[in-house]
């Protein structure tokens, strides 16, 4: 039987060529996708290896980092990223997830005497730092440099009170009041840096409010330091802040006893009428406007009182014998309050 040869028409050849080209194109695309995927995997691995085995440039050597009780693991990793302990909070989180038991992460105050890797940080977190030998030191709101130095010298063996006063007194007002956990080896320079760094971090949180003020940052801190000594509660601080700003707007002297207390180093209760006549730029009875420098180190509550004062029509205030504040619009009303609550 005769078989007819298969005939290829020009169209059928073209169809074969198209099919072969389409297959080749798919193969190239598949190969390219595979190579691209492999590159991404290798880049990811490189990122993980580098960050697991390197520490950040701003690693907080010898500075305490506190993890509060009840903080969840994700927030812990974010805190450590913000503090400069690790480069990536995400990498630390998954390191804890895959290589450790996240529930074993312990709330504690951590201090690192040298930079360590992310893997080492994860290990420290699961061990806790309960035997760090840190010393608890509280710098109180309103406390001045000389008082702070005296107390620090009593509990920190390496602390030089005289050196601290000479170097930190120009920074009065910017040594942030807080409870700190520090090593016994802390020097005056270490404590000064810790407190000024904390001040900078706290001020960043309220920077938009500061930018909206007519007062400069230095003026805000000076007024806050006065309010810290003049008022005794968040509510009274806001009221007094509003009254002092009312006085400044009207061109009245502030007439604050706290600034007299500062230059005489004398308790408020012991000030005499003669003390109020002392010739000094800190005497806000004789000089209008703010004192030339802060008269202590205000806390965030006092600073916020200046940034968000309670509006009122008052220009005078006194603290009664019972510790309560009494406000008045006029000087005559003020005199009546003095007679009623202080006599």
Protein backbone atom coordinates (compact mmCIF):
# COMPACT_ATOMS: atom_id res chain seq x y z
CA UNK A 1 0.00 0.00 0.00
CA UNK A 2 1.33 3.30 -1.01
CA UNK A 3 1.59 5.84 1.86
CA UNK A 4 1.37 9.43 0.95
CA UNK A 5 4.18 11.53 2.40
CA UNK A 6 3.20 13.98 5.06
CA UNK A 7 2.90 17.37 3.58
CA UNK A 8 3.97 20.45 5.64
CA UNK A 9 2.39 23.58 4.51
CA UNK A 10 4.02 26.93 5.15
CA UNK A 11 1.34 27.69 7.76
CA UNK A 12 1.97 24.46 9.72
CA UNK A 13 5.73 25.22 9.88
CA UNK A 14 4.96 28.65 11.24
CA UNK A 15 2.70 27.12 13.92
CA UNK A 16 5.53 24.75 15.04
CA UNK A 17 7.95 27.66 15.24
CA UNK A 18 5.48 29.69 17.34
CA UNK A 19 4.96 26.76 19.72
CA UNK A 20 8.71 26.24 20.11
CA UNK A 21 9.27 29.98 20.72
CA UNK A 22 6.45 30.08 23.31
CA UNK A 23 7.91 27.09 25.18
CA UNK A 24 11.37 28.62 25.11
CA UNK A 25 10.04 31.94 26.40
CA UNK A 26 8.23 30.19 29.27
CA UNK A 27 11.37 28.26 30.10
CA UNK A 28 13.43 31.47 30.19
CA UNK A 29 10.83 33.22 32.34
CA UNK A 30 10.69 30.25 34.71
CA UNK A 31 14.48 30.17 34.90
CA UNK A 32 14.62 33.93 35.53
CA UNK A 33 11.99 33.65 38.27
CA UNK A 34 13.95 30.85 39.87
CA UNK A 35 17.18 32.84 39.78
CA UNK A 36 15.35 35.91 41.14
CA UNK A 37 13.82 33.88 43.93
CA UNK A 38 17.19 32.38 44.78
CA UNK A 39 18.70 35.87 44.90
CA UNK A 40 15.97 37.03 47.27
CA UNK A 41 16.56 34.02 49.51
CA UNK A 42 20.31 34.65 49.51
CA UNK A 43 19.75 38.35 50.28
CA UNK A 44 17.41 37.39 53.11
CA UNK A 45 19.94 34.93 54.50
CA UNK A 46 22.66 37.56 54.24
CA UNK A 47 20.46 40.05 56.14
CA UNK A 48 19.76 37.48 58.86
CA UNK A 49 23.39 36.40 59.22
CA UNK A 50 24.71 39.98 59.32
CA UNK A 51 22.14 41.18 61.83
CA UNK A 52 22.37 38.08 63.99
CA UNK A 53 26.11 38.48 64.31
CA UNK A 54 26.51 42.26 64.48
CA UNK A 55 25.52 44.86 67.04
CA UNK A 56 24.26 48.41 66.28
CA UNK A 57 26.71 51.31 66.14
CA UNK A 58 24.78 53.11 68.91
CA UNK A 59 24.77 50.11 71.26
CA UNK A 60 24.02 51.36 74.84
CA UNK A 61 27.16 50.10 76.59
CA UNK A 62 26.91 50.35 80.40
CA UNK A 63 23.49 51.99 80.22
CA UNK A 64 20.54 50.27 81.91
CA UNK A 65 17.65 49.13 79.72
CA UNK A 66 14.53 48.31 81.72
CA UNK A 67 11.82 45.87 80.60
CA UNK A 68 8.74 46.40 82.74
CA UNK A 69 6.66 43.55 84.10
CA UNK A 70 3.79 42.68 81.75
CA UNK A 71 5.41 43.96 78.53
CA UNK A 72 4.67 41.55 75.67
CA UNK A 73 7.43 40.06 73.52
CA UNK A 74 6.74 42.21 70.46
CA UNK A 75 6.91 45.40 72.51
CA UNK A 76 10.07 44.16 74.22
CA UNK A 77 11.77 43.73 70.85
CA UNK A 78 10.63 47.20 69.79
CA UNK A 79 12.02 48.72 73.01
CA UNK A 80 15.38 47.03 72.42
CA UNK A 81 15.42 48.31 68.84
CA UNK A 82 14.65 51.87 70.02
CA UNK A 83 17.35 51.66 72.70
CA UNK A 84 19.92 50.56 70.11
CA UNK A 85 20.45 47.07 71.52
CA UNK A 86 19.54 45.31 68.24
CA UNK A 87 19.40 46.39 64.61
CA UNK A 88 16.09 44.67 63.85
CA UNK A 89 13.20 44.13 66.26
CA UNK A 90 11.62 41.75 63.73
CA UNK A 91 14.71 39.56 63.61
CA UNK A 92 14.94 39.50 67.41
CA UNK A 93 11.26 38.56 67.63
CA UNK A 94 11.63 35.56 65.28
CA UNK A 95 14.90 34.56 66.93
CA UNK A 96 13.02 34.32 70.23
CA UNK A 97 10.15 32.55 68.48
CA UNK A 98 12.21 29.86 66.73
CA UNK A 99 15.21 29.34 69.00
CA UNK A 100 13.79 30.12 72.45
CA UNK A 101 10.55 29.99 74.35
CA UNK A 102 9.04 33.52 74.23
CA UNK A 103 7.25 32.99 77.55
CA UNK A 104 10.68 32.60 79.18
CA UNK A 105 11.58 36.24 78.40
CA UNK A 106 12.03 37.94 81.79
CA UNK A 107 11.19 41.48 82.86
CA UNK A 108 14.30 43.00 84.37
CA UNK A 109 16.80 45.82 84.14
CA UNK A 110 19.51 44.83 81.68
CA UNK A 111 22.94 46.36 81.39
CA UNK A 112 25.49 45.41 78.74
CA UNK A 113 29.17 46.02 79.45
CA UNK A 114 29.96 45.52 75.76
CA UNK A 115 28.05 45.23 72.46
CA UNK A 116 26.58 41.78 71.82
CA UNK A 117 24.81 40.07 68.91
CA UNK A 118 21.08 39.58 68.42
CA UNK A 119 21.40 35.89 69.30
CA UNK A 120 23.20 36.79 72.51
CA UNK A 121 20.55 39.40 73.33
CA UNK A 122 17.85 36.75 72.92
CA UNK A 123 19.73 34.47 75.30
CA UNK A 124 20.09 37.24 77.89
CA UNK A 125 16.37 37.99 77.69
CA UNK A 126 15.49 34.42 78.58
CA UNK A 127 17.93 34.37 81.49
CA UNK A 128 17.09 37.75 83.06
CA UNK A 129 19.56 40.06 84.74
CA UNK A 130 18.63 39.67 88.37
CA UNK A 131 22.21 39.57 89.62
CA UNK A 132 23.56 42.63 87.84
CA UNK A 133 24.39 44.43 91.08
CA UNK A 134 22.72 47.62 89.88
CA UNK A 135 22.14 50.41 92.35
CA UNK A 136 18.75 52.10 92.48
CA UNK A 137 19.10 55.89 92.47
CA UNK A 138 16.17 58.32 92.38
CA UNK A 139 16.69 61.88 91.19
CA UNK A 140 13.68 63.74 92.59
CA UNK A 141 11.60 66.33 90.70
CA UNK A 142 12.78 69.85 91.50
CA UNK A 143 16.07 68.68 92.98
CA UNK A 144 19.05 70.92 92.24
CA UNK A 145 22.50 69.76 91.15
CA UNK A 146 24.16 70.26 94.55
CA UNK A 147 21.53 68.16 96.34
CA UNK A 148 21.69 65.47 93.67
CA UNK A 149 25.48 65.29 93.85
CA UNK A 150 25.51 64.93 97.62
CA UNK A 151 23.10 61.99 97.59
CA UNK A 152 24.76 60.25 94.63
CA UNK A 153 28.15 60.41 96.35
CA UNK A 154 26.70 58.54 99.34
CA UNK A 155 25.83 55.42 97.33
CA UNK A 156 28.13 55.43 94.26
CA UNK A 157 31.76 54.65 95.22
CA UNK A 158 33.26 56.04 92.00
CA UNK A 159 31.18 59.23 91.99
CA UNK A 160 32.99 62.57 92.48
CA UNK A 161 30.44 65.06 93.86
CA UNK A 162 32.66 68.13 93.44
CA UNK A 163 33.48 67.26 89.84
CA UNK A 164 29.82 66.56 89.11
CA UNK A 165 28.70 69.96 90.46
CA UNK A 166 31.32 71.85 88.46
CA UNK A 167 30.40 70.09 85.21
CA UNK A 168 26.65 69.60 85.66
CA UNK A 169 25.59 72.91 87.25
CA UNK A 170 25.54 74.65 83.84
CA UNK A 171 23.07 71.92 82.82
CA UNK A 172 20.71 72.64 85.74
CA UNK A 173 17.17 71.95 84.54
CA UNK A 174 18.23 69.35 81.98
CA UNK A 175 19.18 66.50 84.31
CA UNK A 176 15.96 64.54 84.05
CA UNK A 177 14.38 63.41 87.34
CA UNK A 178 13.79 59.65 87.27
CA UNK A 179 14.56 56.43 89.11
CA UNK A 180 17.71 55.03 87.54
CA UNK A 181 19.39 51.64 87.93
CA UNK A 182 23.13 52.12 87.56
CA UNK A 183 26.27 50.03 88.21
CA UNK A 184 28.38 50.78 91.27
CA UNK A 185 31.21 51.81 88.95
CA UNK A 186 29.23 54.79 87.63
CA UNK A 187 31.23 58.03 87.59
CA UNK A 188 30.02 61.61 87.70
CA UNK A 189 30.38 61.79 83.90
CA UNK A 190 28.34 58.59 83.46
CA UNK A 191 25.48 59.87 85.61
CA UNK A 192 25.47 63.26 83.93
CA UNK A 193 25.28 61.69 80.46
CA UNK A 194 22.52 59.30 81.51
CA UNK A 195 20.36 62.14 82.87
CA UNK A 196 20.92 64.51 79.97
CA UNK A 197 20.28 61.72 77.45
CA UNK A 198 17.04 60.89 79.27
CA UNK A 199 16.06 64.57 79.18
CA UNK A 200 16.63 64.65 75.41
CA UNK A 201 14.49 61.55 74.89
CA UNK A 202 11.65 62.87 77.05
CA UNK A 203 11.66 66.26 75.35
CA UNK A 204 11.38 64.58 71.93
CA UNK A 205 8.00 63.19 73.01
CA UNK A 206 6.55 66.68 73.52
CA UNK A 207 8.47 68.54 70.81
CA UNK A 208 5.33 69.46 68.79
CA UNK A 209 3.90 71.18 71.90
CA UNK A 210 7.19 73.00 72.47
CA UNK A 211 7.28 74.18 68.85
CA UNK A 212 3.82 75.71 69.30
CA UNK A 213 4.94 77.88 72.26
CA UNK A 214 6.07 81.51 72.23
CA UNK A 215 8.52 80.58 75.01
CA UNK A 216 11.83 78.99 74.03
CA UNK A 217 12.81 75.57 75.39
CA UNK A 218 15.15 77.20 77.92
CA UNK A 219 12.36 79.51 79.10
CA UNK A 220 9.96 76.57 79.37
CA UNK A 221 12.45 74.68 81.54
CA UNK A 222 13.10 77.72 83.74
CA UNK A 223 9.38 78.26 84.33
CA UNK A 224 8.82 74.55 84.91
CA UNK A 225 11.60 74.55 87.53
CA UNK A 226 9.85 77.41 89.35
CA UNK A 227 6.47 75.68 89.16
CA UNK A 228 8.02 72.45 90.48
CA UNK A 229 8.88 74.32 93.70
CA UNK A 230 5.81 76.55 93.86
CA UNK A 231 3.03 74.00 93.34
CA UNK A 232 2.37 70.59 94.88
CA UNK A 233 0.12 68.66 92.49
CA UNK A 234 -0.48 68.31 88.73
CA UNK A 235 -3.64 70.41 89.05
CA UNK A 236 -2.00 73.22 91.02
CA UNK A 237 1.01 73.17 88.69
CA UNK A 238 -1.24 73.79 85.68
CA UNK A 239 -3.08 76.57 87.53
CA UNK A 240 0.14 78.26 88.69
CA UNK A 241 1.62 77.94 85.18
CA UNK A 242 -1.40 79.78 83.79
CA UNK A 243 -1.17 82.50 86.46
CA UNK A 244 2.54 83.09 85.91
CA UNK A 245 1.98 83.36 82.17
CA UNK A 246 -0.87 85.82 82.83
CA UNK A 247 1.57 87.90 84.88
CA UNK A 248 4.26 87.82 82.19
CA UNK A 249 1.79 88.90 79.51
CA UNK A 250 0.74 91.85 81.66
CA UNK A 251 4.33 92.81 82.48
CA UNK A 252 3.93 92.04 86.20
CA UNK A 253 6.81 90.57 88.23
CA UNK A 254 6.36 86.87 88.95
CA UNK A 255 6.97 87.30 92.72
CA UNK A 256 7.85 83.66 93.33
CA UNK A 257 9.41 82.67 96.65
CA UNK A 258 11.02 79.60 95.08
CA UNK A 259 13.64 81.67 93.24
CA UNK A 260 14.59 83.38 96.55
CA UNK A 261 14.85 79.96 98.17
CA UNK A 262 17.25 78.93 95.39
CA UNK A 263 19.78 81.72 95.88
CA UNK A 264 19.65 81.64 99.69
CA UNK A 265 19.45 77.83 99.87
CA UNK A 266 16.82 78.33 102.53
CA UNK A 267 13.47 76.50 102.98
CA UNK A 268 10.40 78.39 101.79
CA UNK A 269 8.85 78.35 105.24
CA UNK A 270 11.86 80.18 106.68
CA UNK A 271 11.94 83.08 104.22
CA UNK A 272 11.52 86.53 105.83
CA UNK A 273 10.26 89.86 104.40
CA UNK A 274 13.90 91.00 104.35
CA UNK A 275 14.86 88.01 102.21
CA UNK A 276 12.44 89.20 99.54
CA UNK A 277 14.47 92.40 99.14
CA UNK A 278 17.77 90.71 98.30
CA UNK A 279 19.57 92.24 95.34
CA UNK A 280 19.82 89.39 92.83
CA UNK A 281 18.68 88.63 89.27
CA UNK A 282 16.89 85.65 90.82
CA UNK A 283 14.70 87.95 92.91
CA UNK A 284 11.45 87.88 90.92
CA UNK A 285 9.92 90.45 93.30
CA UNK A 286 12.37 93.11 92.11
CA UNK A 287 12.93 91.88 88.54
CA UNK A 288 10.32 91.23 85.89
CA UNK A 289 10.36 88.06 83.82
CA UNK A 290 11.92 84.69 84.51
CA UNK A 291 15.03 83.97 86.60
CA UNK A 292 18.20 83.77 84.49
CA UNK A 293 18.53 79.97 84.86
CA UNK A 294 16.45 77.03 86.09
CA UNK A 295 16.31 76.75 89.88
CA UNK A 296 16.21 72.96 89.85
CA UNK A 297 15.44 70.05 87.56
CA UNK A 298 11.73 69.83 86.69
CA UNK A 299 9.95 66.60 85.91
CA UNK A 300 7.73 65.98 82.91
CA UNK A 301 4.54 66.91 84.82
CA UNK A 302 5.84 70.41 85.55
CA UNK A 303 7.05 70.79 81.96
CA UNK A 304 3.63 69.73 80.70
CA UNK A 305 2.02 72.28 83.03
CA UNK A 306 3.92 75.02 81.18
CA UNK A 307 3.01 73.56 77.79
CA UNK A 308 -0.66 73.04 78.69
CA UNK A 309 -1.51 75.52 81.49
CA UNK A 310 -5.01 75.91 82.89
CA UNK A 311 -6.48 79.16 81.50
CA UNK A 312 -7.90 81.50 84.14
CA UNK A 313 -8.37 85.18 85.02
CA UNK A 314 -6.30 84.80 88.18
CA UNK A 315 -3.12 86.76 88.90
CA UNK A 316 -2.46 85.71 92.49
CA UNK A 317 -2.23 82.50 94.48
CA UNK A 318 -1.20 81.30 97.92
CA UNK A 319 -0.76 77.93 99.56
CA UNK A 320 -2.76 77.74 102.79
CA UNK A 321 -1.53 76.16 105.99
CA UNK A 322 -3.46 73.05 104.97
CA UNK A 323 -1.51 72.78 101.69
CA UNK A 324 -4.51 73.84 99.60
CA UNK A 325 -4.18 76.49 96.89
CA UNK A 326 -6.31 79.63 96.88
CA UNK A 327 -6.50 81.90 93.84
CA UNK A 328 -7.59 85.50 93.33
CA UNK A 329 -8.05 87.98 90.51
CA UNK A 330 -7.12 91.18 92.36
CA UNK A 331 -4.53 92.21 94.92
CA UNK A 332 -7.25 93.03 97.48
CA UNK A 333 -8.70 89.54 97.12
CA UNK A 334 -5.17 88.20 97.49
CA UNK A 335 -4.70 90.07 100.78
CA UNK A 336 -8.00 88.65 102.05
CA UNK A 337 -6.85 85.12 101.17
CA UNK A 338 -3.60 85.71 103.07
CA UNK A 339 -5.52 86.88 106.13
CA UNK A 340 -7.97 84.00 105.89
CA UNK A 341 -5.67 81.07 105.10
CA UNK A 342 -2.24 82.04 106.43
CA UNK A 343 -2.84 84.11 109.59
